[in-house]
Amino acid sequence: MIERAGERARGAGAGNRIQYCVAGAQDLPFEDDLFDAVITESVTALVEEKQRAVNEYARVARPGGWIGLNESTWLETPPPPEVVAWVSRAAEESGTPVAADEWERLLVRAGLKDVISEVRHIEVGDETRNLLQRYGWAGMMRVFWRILGLYFRNPSYRDFVKRIRQDGVLPERLNENFGYGLYVGRA
């Protein structure tokens, strides 16, 4: 992902202004009060100690800075067992989504103020159109070839694909129970 981020930054003419760092969300290697904003996407749901990670985001944000999470979310609770089983397989048991009210509580317990959220269903057709609009046909073909290459080169990725296709189909009520949320708070 760092390599891909670098490609995108260079393509946007920002390659020299961005620094990259690989670190664990639960123990960030940054000083307190450093960033104006901390943004995560599909990170915190995969962390076992979600509160510890959100506390770290709040620690490294300047007073008045913003923390934003874009994370997988249970839309109905409790979700059906077959949906939980599929999501657990897809996430390699490393983490699971939580409901919107729990995401909000995590931000509040980290001391954030002005917490707001917006939860959405995942509509596969809409997501496909958005990707096509964002990347175009040529970009989507590059994505396809990258995925195919990853599948043939990386045994872990092949295992992941096998896990999520274990039953051959997605759970029947996946879209009704599993979505994503945008959660924002101010330090």
N, C-alpha and C. Protein backbone atom coordinates (compact mmCIF):
# COMPACT_ATOMS: atom_id res chain seq x y z
N MET A 1 0.83 -1.19 0.00
CA MET A 1 0.00 0.00 0.00
C MET A 1 0.87 1.26 0.00
N ILE A 2 2.02 1.20 0.65
CA ILE A 2 2.93 2.35 0.65
C ILE A 2 3.40 2.62 -0.78
N GLU A 3 3.75 1.57 -1.48
CA GLU A 3 4.19 1.72 -2.88
C GLU A 3 3.08 2.35 -3.72
N ARG A 4 1.87 1.86 -3.56
CA ARG A 4 0.73 2.40 -4.34
C ARG A 4 0.45 3.84 -3.96
N ALA A 5 0.53 4.17 -2.67
CA ALA A 5 0.31 5.55 -2.23
C ALA A 5 1.36 6.47 -2.85
N GLY A 6 2.60 6.01 -2.90
CA GLY A 6 3.66 6.79 -3.53
C GLY A 6 3.40 7.04 -5.00
N GLU A 7 2.93 6.02 -5.70
CA GLU A 7 2.58 6.17 -7.12
C GLU A 7 1.50 7.23 -7.31
N ARG A 8 0.46 7.14 -6.47
CA ARG A 8 -0.66 8.10 -6.59
C ARG A 8 -0.20 9.52 -6.24
N ALA A 9 0.65 9.65 -5.22
CA ALA A 9 1.14 10.98 -4.84
C ALA A 9 1.99 11.57 -5.95
N ARG A 10 2.87 10.75 -6.53
CA ARG A 10 3.69 11.25 -7.65
C ARG A 10 2.81 11.65 -8.82
N GLY A 11 1.78 10.85 -9.10
CA GLY A 11 0.86 11.16 -10.20
C GLY A 11 0.11 12.46 -9.98
N ALA A 12 -0.11 12.81 -8.72
CA ALA A 12 -0.81 14.06 -8.38
C ALA A 12 0.16 15.22 -8.18
N GLY A 13 1.45 14.97 -8.38
CA GLY A 13 2.45 16.03 -8.22
C GLY A 13 2.79 16.35 -6.77
N ALA A 14 2.48 15.45 -5.85
CA ALA A 14 2.73 15.69 -4.43
C ALA A 14 3.77 14.75 -3.85
N GLY A 15 4.45 14.03 -4.69
CA GLY A 15 5.37 12.99 -4.23
C GLY A 15 6.45 13.46 -3.29
N ASN A 16 6.97 14.68 -3.47
CA ASN A 16 8.06 15.18 -2.62
C ASN A 16 7.57 15.76 -1.30
N ARG A 17 6.27 15.94 -1.14
CA ARG A 17 5.74 16.58 0.07
C ARG A 17 5.16 15.59 1.06
N ILE A 18 5.24 14.30 0.77
CA ILE A 18 4.60 13.29 1.62
C ILE A 18 5.64 12.32 2.16
N GLN A 19 5.53 12.03 3.45
CA GLN A 19 6.38 11.02 4.07
C GLN A 19 5.50 9.85 4.47
N TYR A 20 6.05 8.65 4.42
CA TYR A 20 5.31 7.44 4.75
C TYR A 20 5.97 6.76 5.94
N CYS A 21 5.13 6.12 6.75
CA CYS A 21 5.62 5.40 7.92
C CYS A 21 4.71 4.20 8.14
N VAL A 22 5.28 3.04 8.32
CA VAL A 22 4.50 1.85 8.64
C VAL A 22 4.55 1.67 10.15
N ALA A 23 3.38 1.60 10.77
CA ALA A 23 3.32 1.49 12.23
C ALA A 23 2.03 0.82 12.63
N GLY A 24 1.98 0.32 13.84
CA GLY A 24 0.78 -0.27 14.40
C GLY A 24 -0.13 0.82 14.95
N ALA A 25 -1.41 0.72 14.70
CA ALA A 25 -2.37 1.74 15.14
C ALA A 25 -2.44 1.85 16.65
N GLN A 26 -2.09 0.80 17.36
CA GLN A 26 -2.20 0.81 18.82
C GLN A 26 -0.98 1.39 19.52
N ASP A 27 0.05 1.71 18.75
CA ASP A 27 1.28 2.26 19.33
C ASP A 27 1.97 3.11 18.27
N LEU A 28 1.43 4.31 18.03
CA LEU A 28 1.94 5.17 16.97
C LEU A 28 3.28 5.80 17.37
N PRO A 29 4.26 5.83 16.45
CA PRO A 29 5.60 6.35 16.77
C PRO A 29 5.71 7.86 16.57
N PHE A 30 4.71 8.61 17.04
CA PHE A 30 4.70 10.06 16.85
C PHE A 30 4.53 10.73 18.21
N GLU A 31 5.03 11.96 18.29
CA GLU A 31 4.89 12.73 19.53
C GLU A 31 3.44 13.17 19.70
N ASP A 32 3.10 13.55 20.90
CA ASP A 32 1.76 14.05 21.21
C ASP A 32 1.48 15.34 20.43
N ASP A 33 0.19 15.58 20.15
CA ASP A 33 -0.27 16.85 19.59
C ASP A 33 0.46 17.25 18.29
N LEU A 34 0.69 16.30 17.41
CA LEU A 34 1.49 16.57 16.21
C LEU A 34 0.66 16.90 14.97
N PHE A 35 -0.48 16.23 14.79
CA PHE A 35 -1.22 16.32 13.53
C PHE A 35 -2.49 17.16 13.64
N ASP A 36 -2.81 17.85 12.56
CA ASP A 36 -4.08 18.59 12.47
C ASP A 36 -5.25 17.63 12.26
N ALA A 37 -4.97 16.50 11.62
CA ALA A 37 -6.02 15.51 11.35
C ALA A 37 -5.40 14.12 11.33
N VAL A 38 -6.16 13.16 11.80
CA VAL A 38 -5.80 11.75 11.73
C VAL A 38 -6.97 11.06 11.05
N ILE A 39 -6.69 10.38 9.94
CA ILE A 39 -7.75 9.73 9.16
C ILE A 39 -7.37 8.27 8.95
N THR A 40 -8.33 7.38 9.22
CA THR A 40 -8.10 5.96 8.95
C THR A 40 -9.23 5.44 8.06
N GLU A 41 -8.89 4.45 7.27
CA GLU A 41 -9.90 3.79 6.45
C GLU A 41 -9.66 2.29 6.52
N SER A 42 -10.65 1.58 7.03
CA SER A 42 -10.57 0.12 7.13
C SER A 42 -9.32 -0.34 7.86
N VAL A 43 -9.05 0.33 8.97
CA VAL A 43 -7.90 -0.02 9.81
C VAL A 43 -8.39 -0.46 11.19
N THR A 44 -9.14 0.39 11.84
CA THR A 44 -9.47 0.18 13.25
C THR A 44 -10.36 -1.04 13.45
N ALA A 45 -11.19 -1.38 12.48
CA ALA A 45 -12.02 -2.59 12.60
C ALA A 45 -11.17 -3.85 12.68
N LEU A 46 -9.96 -3.79 12.14
CA LEU A 46 -9.10 -4.97 12.13
C LEU A 46 -8.18 -5.04 13.35
N VAL A 47 -8.25 -4.03 14.20
CA VAL A 47 -7.41 -3.98 15.39
C VAL A 47 -8.15 -4.63 16.55
N GLU A 48 -7.45 -5.47 17.27
CA GLU A 48 -8.10 -6.16 18.39
C GLU A 48 -8.50 -5.19 19.50
N GLU A 49 -7.60 -4.28 19.87
CA GLU A 49 -7.87 -3.31 20.94
C GLU A 49 -8.24 -1.97 20.30
N LYS A 50 -9.49 -1.88 19.87
CA LYS A 50 -9.95 -0.69 19.15
C LYS A 50 -9.82 0.58 20.00
N GLN A 51 -10.16 0.50 21.29
CA GLN A 51 -10.07 1.69 22.13
C GLN A 51 -8.64 2.20 22.22
N ARG A 52 -7.71 1.29 22.34
CA ARG A 52 -6.30 1.69 22.41
C ARG A 52 -5.88 2.42 21.14
N ALA A 53 -6.33 1.94 19.98
CA ALA A 53 -6.00 2.60 18.72
C ALA A 53 -6.62 4.00 18.65
N VAL A 54 -7.89 4.12 18.99
CA VAL A 54 -8.55 5.43 18.94
C VAL A 54 -7.90 6.38 19.94
N ASN A 55 -7.50 5.89 21.10
CA ASN A 55 -6.78 6.72 22.06
C ASN A 55 -5.47 7.25 21.45
N GLU A 56 -4.80 6.41 20.68
CA GLU A 56 -3.56 6.84 20.03
C GLU A 56 -3.84 7.93 18.99
N TYR A 57 -4.91 7.77 18.23
CA TYR A 57 -5.25 8.80 17.24
C TYR A 57 -5.46 10.14 17.95
N ALA A 58 -6.19 10.09 19.07
CA ALA A 58 -6.46 11.32 19.83
C ALA A 58 -5.17 11.89 20.42
N ARG A 59 -4.28 11.05 20.85
CA ARG A 59 -3.01 11.50 21.45
C ARG A 59 -2.17 12.28 20.45
N VAL A 60 -2.10 11.81 19.21
CA VAL A 60 -1.21 12.45 18.22
C VAL A 60 -1.87 13.63 17.50
N ALA A 61 -3.16 13.86 17.76
CA ALA A 61 -3.85 15.01 17.15
C ALA A 61 -3.69 16.24 18.04
N ARG A 62 -3.47 17.37 17.39
CA ARG A 62 -3.38 18.64 18.13
C ARG A 62 -4.72 18.97 18.76
N PRO A 63 -4.72 19.74 19.86
CA PRO A 63 -6.00 20.19 20.41
C PRO A 63 -6.79 20.94 19.33
N GLY A 64 -8.03 20.56 19.16
CA GLY A 64 -8.87 21.13 18.10
C GLY A 64 -8.74 20.39 16.78
N GLY A 65 -7.79 19.46 16.68
CA GLY A 65 -7.61 18.67 15.47
C GLY A 65 -8.73 17.65 15.31
N TRP A 66 -8.81 17.08 14.15
CA TRP A 66 -9.90 16.15 13.83
C TRP A 66 -9.40 14.73 13.66
N ILE A 67 -10.22 13.80 14.12
CA ILE A 67 -9.97 12.37 13.92
C ILE A 67 -11.15 11.85 13.11
N GLY A 68 -10.87 11.17 12.01
CA GLY A 68 -11.92 10.62 11.16
C GLY A 68 -11.66 9.15 10.87
N LEU A 69 -12.68 8.34 11.06
CA LEU A 69 -12.59 6.91 10.78
C LEU A 69 -13.62 6.55 9.72
N ASN A 70 -13.21 5.77 8.75
CA ASN A 70 -14.11 5.18 7.76
C ASN A 70 -13.98 3.68 7.99
N GLU A 71 -14.97 3.09 8.66
CA GLU A 71 -14.81 1.72 9.13
C GLU A 71 -16.04 0.86 8.86
N SER A 72 -15.78 -0.42 8.72
CA SER A 72 -16.88 -1.38 8.56
C SER A 72 -17.74 -1.35 9.82
N THR A 73 -19.04 -1.53 9.61
CA THR A 73 -20.01 -1.33 10.69
C THR A 73 -21.15 -2.34 10.58
N TRP A 74 -21.55 -2.88 11.72
CA TRP A 74 -22.78 -3.69 11.74
C TRP A 74 -23.95 -2.73 11.62
N LEU A 75 -24.83 -2.98 10.68
CA LEU A 75 -26.01 -2.13 10.48
C LEU A 75 -27.17 -2.57 11.34
N GLU A 76 -27.25 -3.86 11.60
CA GLU A 76 -28.27 -4.42 12.49
C GLU A 76 -27.55 -5.21 13.58
N THR A 77 -28.05 -5.10 14.79
CA THR A 77 -27.45 -5.89 15.85
C THR A 77 -28.55 -6.64 16.59
N PRO A 78 -28.31 -7.87 16.93
CA PRO A 78 -27.12 -8.62 16.52
C PRO A 78 -27.25 -9.07 15.07
N PRO A 79 -26.13 -9.12 14.36
CA PRO A 79 -26.18 -9.60 12.98
C PRO A 79 -26.39 -11.11 12.94
N PRO A 80 -26.94 -11.62 11.84
CA PRO A 80 -27.14 -13.07 11.73
C PRO A 80 -25.82 -13.83 11.81
N PRO A 81 -25.83 -15.00 12.42
CA PRO A 81 -24.59 -15.78 12.59
C PRO A 81 -23.85 -16.05 11.28
N GLU A 82 -24.57 -16.30 10.19
CA GLU A 82 -23.88 -16.59 8.92
C GLU A 82 -23.14 -15.37 8.39
N VAL A 83 -23.65 -14.18 8.67
CA VAL A 83 -22.97 -12.95 8.25
C VAL A 83 -21.73 -12.73 9.12
N VAL A 84 -21.87 -12.95 10.43
CA VAL A 84 -20.72 -12.82 11.34
C VAL A 84 -19.63 -13.81 10.93
N ALA A 85 -20.01 -15.04 10.60
CA ALA A 85 -19.03 -16.06 10.21
C ALA A 85 -18.29 -15.64 8.95
N TRP A 86 -19.01 -15.12 7.96
CA TRP A 86 -18.38 -14.70 6.70
C TRP A 86 -17.42 -13.54 6.95
N VAL A 87 -17.86 -12.53 7.69
CA VAL A 87 -17.01 -11.37 7.96
C VAL A 87 -15.78 -11.80 8.75
N SER A 88 -15.93 -12.70 9.71
CA SER A 88 -14.79 -13.19 10.48
C SER A 88 -13.79 -13.91 9.59
N ARG A 89 -14.29 -14.72 8.66
CA ARG A 89 -13.37 -15.39 7.72
C ARG A 89 -12.65 -14.35 6.86
N ALA A 90 -13.38 -13.36 6.38
CA ALA A 90 -12.79 -12.35 5.51
C ALA A 90 -11.74 -11.53 6.26
N ALA A 91 -11.96 -11.32 7.56
CA ALA A 91 -11.04 -10.51 8.35
C ALA A 91 -9.97 -11.35 9.04
N GLU A 92 -9.91 -12.63 8.74
CA GLU A 92 -8.93 -13.55 9.32
C GLU A 92 -8.99 -13.57 10.83
N GLU A 93 -10.17 -13.37 11.39
CA GLU A 93 -10.32 -13.39 12.84
C GLU A 93 -9.51 -12.28 13.52
N SER A 94 -8.87 -11.39 12.76
CA SER A 94 -8.03 -10.36 13.37
C SER A 94 -8.86 -9.21 13.92
N GLY A 95 -10.08 -9.15 13.56
CA GLY A 95 -10.91 -8.09 14.08
C GLY A 95 -12.29 -8.17 13.46
N THR A 96 -13.20 -7.46 14.02
CA THR A 96 -14.55 -7.45 13.48
C THR A 96 -15.10 -6.04 13.57
N PRO A 97 -16.09 -5.75 12.75
CA PRO A 97 -16.74 -4.45 12.86
C PRO A 97 -17.54 -4.39 14.16
N VAL A 98 -17.94 -3.19 14.51
CA VAL A 98 -18.85 -3.00 15.62
C VAL A 98 -19.99 -2.13 15.13
N ALA A 99 -21.02 -1.99 15.93
CA ALA A 99 -22.16 -1.16 15.55
C ALA A 99 -21.79 0.32 15.66
N ALA A 100 -22.57 1.17 15.00
CA ALA A 100 -22.30 2.61 14.96
C ALA A 100 -22.21 3.22 16.35
N ASP A 101 -23.11 2.83 17.25
CA ASP A 101 -23.07 3.44 18.58
C ASP A 101 -21.79 3.08 19.33
N GLU A 102 -21.24 1.90 19.06
CA GLU A 102 -19.97 1.53 19.70
C GLU A 102 -18.81 2.33 19.10
N TRP A 103 -18.81 2.55 17.79
CA TRP A 103 -17.77 3.40 17.19
C TRP A 103 -17.81 4.79 17.82
N GLU A 104 -19.01 5.34 17.98
CA GLU A 104 -19.14 6.67 18.59
C GLU A 104 -18.62 6.66 20.03
N ARG A 105 -18.95 5.62 20.79
CA ARG A 105 -18.46 5.52 22.18
C ARG A 105 -16.93 5.47 22.23
N LEU A 106 -16.32 4.78 21.28
CA LEU A 106 -14.85 4.71 21.25
C LEU A 106 -14.25 6.11 21.12
N LEU A 107 -14.83 6.93 20.26
CA LEU A 107 -14.33 8.30 20.08
C LEU A 107 -14.57 9.14 21.33
N VAL A 108 -15.74 9.02 21.92
CA VAL A 108 -16.06 9.80 23.13
C VAL A 108 -15.14 9.38 24.28
N ARG A 109 -14.93 8.08 24.47
CA ARG A 109 -14.05 7.60 25.55
C ARG A 109 -12.61 8.04 25.35
N ALA A 110 -12.22 8.34 24.09
CA ALA A 110 -10.87 8.85 23.82
C ALA A 110 -10.78 10.34 24.09
N GLY A 111 -11.88 10.94 24.53
CA GLY A 111 -11.88 12.35 24.87
C GLY A 111 -12.24 13.28 23.73
N LEU A 112 -12.74 12.73 22.62
CA LEU A 112 -13.08 13.56 21.48
C LEU A 112 -14.42 14.25 21.69
N LYS A 113 -14.57 15.42 21.09
CA LYS A 113 -15.79 16.21 21.20
C LYS A 113 -16.44 16.31 19.83
N ASP A 114 -17.66 16.81 19.82
CA ASP A 114 -18.38 17.06 18.56
C ASP A 114 -18.41 15.81 17.67
N VAL A 115 -18.60 14.65 18.27
CA VAL A 115 -18.60 13.38 17.53
C VAL A 115 -19.85 13.29 16.66
N ILE A 116 -19.64 13.02 15.40
CA ILE A 116 -20.74 12.81 14.46
C ILE A 116 -20.47 11.54 13.66
N SER A 117 -21.54 10.98 13.11
CA SER A 117 -21.36 9.77 12.31
C SER A 117 -22.39 9.73 11.20
N GLU A 118 -22.04 8.97 10.18
CA GLU A 118 -22.96 8.69 9.08
C GLU A 118 -22.71 7.25 8.65
N VAL A 119 -23.77 6.47 8.64
CA VAL A 119 -23.66 5.05 8.33
C VAL A 119 -24.32 4.78 6.98
N ARG A 120 -23.69 3.92 6.19
CA ARG A 120 -24.20 3.61 4.86
C ARG A 120 -24.19 2.11 4.60
N HIS A 121 -25.16 1.68 3.81
CA HIS A 121 -25.13 0.32 3.28
C HIS A 121 -24.11 0.28 2.15
N ILE A 122 -23.58 -0.87 1.89
CA ILE A 122 -22.70 -1.06 0.74
C ILE A 122 -23.56 -1.57 -0.40
N GLU A 123 -23.66 -0.80 -1.44
CA GLU A 123 -24.39 -1.20 -2.64
C GLU A 123 -23.36 -1.56 -3.70
N VAL A 124 -23.24 -2.83 -4.01
CA VAL A 124 -22.20 -3.31 -4.91
C VAL A 124 -22.24 -2.59 -6.26
N GLY A 125 -23.43 -2.41 -6.82
CA GLY A 125 -23.54 -1.72 -8.10
C GLY A 125 -23.04 -0.30 -8.03
N ASP A 126 -23.41 0.42 -6.97
CA ASP A 126 -22.94 1.80 -6.78
C ASP A 126 -21.43 1.84 -6.60
N GLU A 127 -20.90 0.91 -5.80
CA GLU A 127 -19.45 0.88 -5.57
C GLU A 127 -18.70 0.63 -6.87
N THR A 128 -19.21 -0.27 -7.70
CA THR A 128 -18.58 -0.56 -8.99
C THR A 128 -18.59 0.67 -9.89
N ARG A 129 -19.74 1.34 -9.96
CA ARG A 129 -19.82 2.57 -10.77
C ARG A 129 -18.88 3.64 -10.26
N ASN A 130 -18.79 3.78 -8.93
CA ASN A 130 -17.88 4.78 -8.35
C ASN A 130 -16.43 4.48 -8.69
N LEU A 131 -16.05 3.21 -8.59
CA LEU A 131 -14.68 2.83 -8.94
C LEU A 131 -14.40 3.09 -10.41
N LEU A 132 -15.35 2.76 -11.26
CA LEU A 132 -15.18 2.97 -12.69
C LEU A 132 -15.06 4.47 -12.99
N GLN A 133 -15.88 5.26 -12.33
CA GLN A 133 -15.82 6.70 -12.53
C GLN A 133 -14.48 7.27 -12.04
N ARG A 134 -14.03 6.78 -10.90
CA ARG A 134 -12.78 7.28 -10.32
C ARG A 134 -11.55 6.88 -11.14
N TYR A 135 -11.50 5.61 -11.58
CA TYR A 135 -10.29 5.10 -12.22
C TYR A 135 -10.39 4.97 -13.73
N GLY A 136 -11.60 4.98 -14.28
CA GLY A 136 -11.77 4.77 -15.71
C GLY A 136 -11.53 3.32 -16.08
N TRP A 137 -11.84 2.97 -17.33
CA TRP A 137 -11.67 1.59 -17.78
C TRP A 137 -10.22 1.15 -17.72
N ALA A 138 -9.31 2.02 -18.16
CA ALA A 138 -7.89 1.65 -18.16
C ALA A 138 -7.40 1.43 -16.73
N GLY A 139 -7.79 2.30 -15.82
CA GLY A 139 -7.40 2.15 -14.42
C GLY A 139 -7.96 0.88 -13.81
N MET A 140 -9.22 0.57 -14.14
CA MET A 140 -9.83 -0.65 -13.62
C MET A 140 -9.12 -1.90 -14.16
N MET A 141 -8.67 -1.84 -15.40
CA MET A 141 -7.91 -2.98 -15.94
C MET A 141 -6.59 -3.13 -15.20
N ARG A 142 -5.93 -2.01 -14.86
CA ARG A 142 -4.69 -2.10 -14.08
C ARG A 142 -4.97 -2.73 -12.71
N VAL A 143 -6.07 -2.33 -12.08
CA VAL A 143 -6.45 -2.90 -10.79
C VAL A 143 -6.67 -4.41 -10.94
N PHE A 144 -7.41 -4.80 -11.97
CA PHE A 144 -7.68 -6.22 -12.22
C PHE A 144 -6.37 -7.00 -12.37
N TRP A 145 -5.42 -6.47 -13.16
CA TRP A 145 -4.15 -7.18 -13.38
C TRP A 145 -3.33 -7.23 -12.10
N ARG A 146 -3.39 -6.18 -11.28
CA ARG A 146 -2.69 -6.21 -10.00
C ARG A 146 -3.26 -7.29 -9.10
N ILE A 147 -4.59 -7.36 -9.05
CA ILE A 147 -5.24 -8.38 -8.22
C ILE A 147 -4.89 -9.77 -8.71
N LEU A 148 -4.95 -9.97 -10.01
CA LEU A 148 -4.62 -11.27 -10.59
C LEU A 148 -3.17 -11.64 -10.29
N GLY A 149 -2.26 -10.67 -10.45
CA GLY A 149 -0.84 -10.91 -10.14
C GLY A 149 -0.64 -11.25 -8.68
N LEU A 150 -1.33 -10.53 -7.81
CA LEU A 150 -1.24 -10.79 -6.38
C LEU A 150 -1.72 -12.21 -6.07
N TYR A 151 -2.80 -12.60 -6.72
CA TYR A 151 -3.36 -13.93 -6.49
C TYR A 151 -2.33 -15.01 -6.84
N PHE A 152 -1.64 -14.86 -7.96
CA PHE A 152 -0.70 -15.89 -8.39
C PHE A 152 0.63 -15.83 -7.63
N ARG A 153 1.02 -14.66 -7.15
CA ARG A 153 2.31 -14.51 -6.46
C ARG A 153 2.23 -14.77 -4.96
N ASN A 154 1.06 -14.55 -4.35
CA ASN A 154 0.99 -14.49 -2.90
C ASN A 154 0.07 -15.57 -2.34
N PRO A 155 0.66 -16.59 -1.70
CA PRO A 155 -0.17 -17.67 -1.12
C PRO A 155 -1.15 -17.15 -0.06
N SER A 156 -0.77 -16.14 0.71
CA SER A 156 -1.68 -15.59 1.73
C SER A 156 -2.92 -14.99 1.08
N TYR A 157 -2.73 -14.32 -0.04
CA TYR A 157 -3.88 -13.73 -0.72
C TYR A 157 -4.79 -14.84 -1.29
N ARG A 158 -4.18 -15.89 -1.83
CA ARG A 158 -4.99 -17.03 -2.31
C ARG A 158 -5.80 -17.63 -1.17
N ASP A 159 -5.19 -17.76 0.02
CA ASP A 159 -5.91 -18.28 1.18
C ASP A 159 -7.07 -17.36 1.56
N PHE A 160 -6.84 -16.04 1.50
CA PHE A 160 -7.90 -15.07 1.79
C PHE A 160 -9.07 -15.26 0.83
N VAL A 161 -8.79 -15.35 -0.46
CA VAL A 161 -9.86 -15.53 -1.46
C VAL A 161 -10.60 -16.83 -1.19
N LYS A 162 -9.88 -17.88 -0.86
CA LYS A 162 -10.51 -19.17 -0.56
C LYS A 162 -11.42 -19.06 0.66
N ARG A 163 -10.97 -18.35 1.70
CA ARG A 163 -11.78 -18.18 2.92
C ARG A 163 -13.09 -17.46 2.63
N ILE A 164 -13.02 -16.36 1.89
CA ILE A 164 -14.25 -15.58 1.68
C ILE A 164 -15.19 -16.25 0.69
N ARG A 165 -14.67 -17.22 -0.08
CA ARG A 165 -15.52 -17.93 -1.02
C ARG A 165 -15.81 -19.35 -0.54
N GLN A 166 -15.59 -19.60 0.72
CA GLN A 166 -15.70 -20.94 1.28
C GLN A 166 -17.02 -21.61 0.93
N ASP A 167 -18.10 -20.89 1.04
CA ASP A 167 -19.40 -21.48 0.74
C ASP A 167 -19.82 -21.24 -0.71
N GLY A 168 -18.96 -20.58 -1.47
CA GLY A 168 -19.26 -20.34 -2.88
C GLY A 168 -20.07 -19.09 -3.14
N VAL A 169 -20.71 -18.53 -2.13
CA VAL A 169 -21.53 -17.33 -2.31
C VAL A 169 -21.41 -16.44 -1.09
N LEU A 170 -21.78 -15.20 -1.27
CA LEU A 170 -21.85 -14.28 -0.14
C LEU A 170 -23.08 -14.61 0.69
N PRO A 171 -23.05 -14.31 1.98
CA PRO A 171 -24.24 -14.54 2.80
C PRO A 171 -25.43 -13.76 2.24
N GLU A 172 -26.59 -14.36 2.35
CA GLU A 172 -27.80 -13.79 1.76
C GLU A 172 -28.12 -12.39 2.28
N ARG A 173 -27.92 -12.13 3.55
CA ARG A 173 -28.32 -10.84 4.13
C ARG A 173 -27.13 -9.93 4.43
N LEU A 174 -26.02 -10.14 3.72
CA LEU A 174 -24.81 -9.35 3.98
C LEU A 174 -25.07 -7.85 3.84
N ASN A 175 -25.67 -7.42 2.73
CA ASN A 175 -25.88 -5.99 2.49
C ASN A 175 -26.81 -5.35 3.51
N GLU A 176 -27.72 -6.11 4.09
CA GLU A 176 -28.64 -5.57 5.09
C GLU A 176 -27.97 -5.38 6.45
N ASN A 177 -26.90 -6.12 6.70
CA ASN A 177 -26.30 -6.16 8.02
C ASN A 177 -24.90 -5.58 8.13
N PHE A 178 -24.23 -5.42 7.01
CA PHE A 178 -22.83 -5.03 7.00
C PHE A 178 -22.66 -3.84 6.07
N GLY A 179 -22.10 -2.77 6.60
CA GLY A 179 -21.88 -1.58 5.79
C GLY A 179 -20.64 -0.86 6.29
N TYR A 180 -20.65 0.44 6.14
CA TYR A 180 -19.53 1.21 6.66
C TYR A 180 -20.06 2.50 7.27
N GLY A 181 -19.25 3.08 8.10
CA GLY A 181 -19.63 4.33 8.73
C GLY A 181 -18.48 5.30 8.70
N LEU A 182 -18.83 6.57 8.66
CA LEU A 182 -17.86 7.64 8.79
C LEU A 182 -18.06 8.22 10.18
N TYR A 183 -16.99 8.23 10.98
CA TYR A 183 -17.05 8.67 12.37
C TYR A 183 -16.01 9.75 12.57
N VAL A 184 -16.43 10.90 13.04
CA VAL A 184 -15.53 12.05 13.15
C VAL A 184 -15.69 12.68 14.53
N GLY A 185 -14.57 13.08 15.09
CA GLY A 185 -14.59 13.80 16.36
C GLY A 185 -13.42 14.79 16.41
N ARG A 186 -13.51 15.75 17.32
CA ARG A 186 -12.49 16.80 17.46
C ARG A 186 -11.74 16.60 18.76
N ALA A 187 -10.42 16.68 18.69
CA ALA A 187 -9.57 16.52 19.87
C ALA A 187 -9.68 17.75 20.77
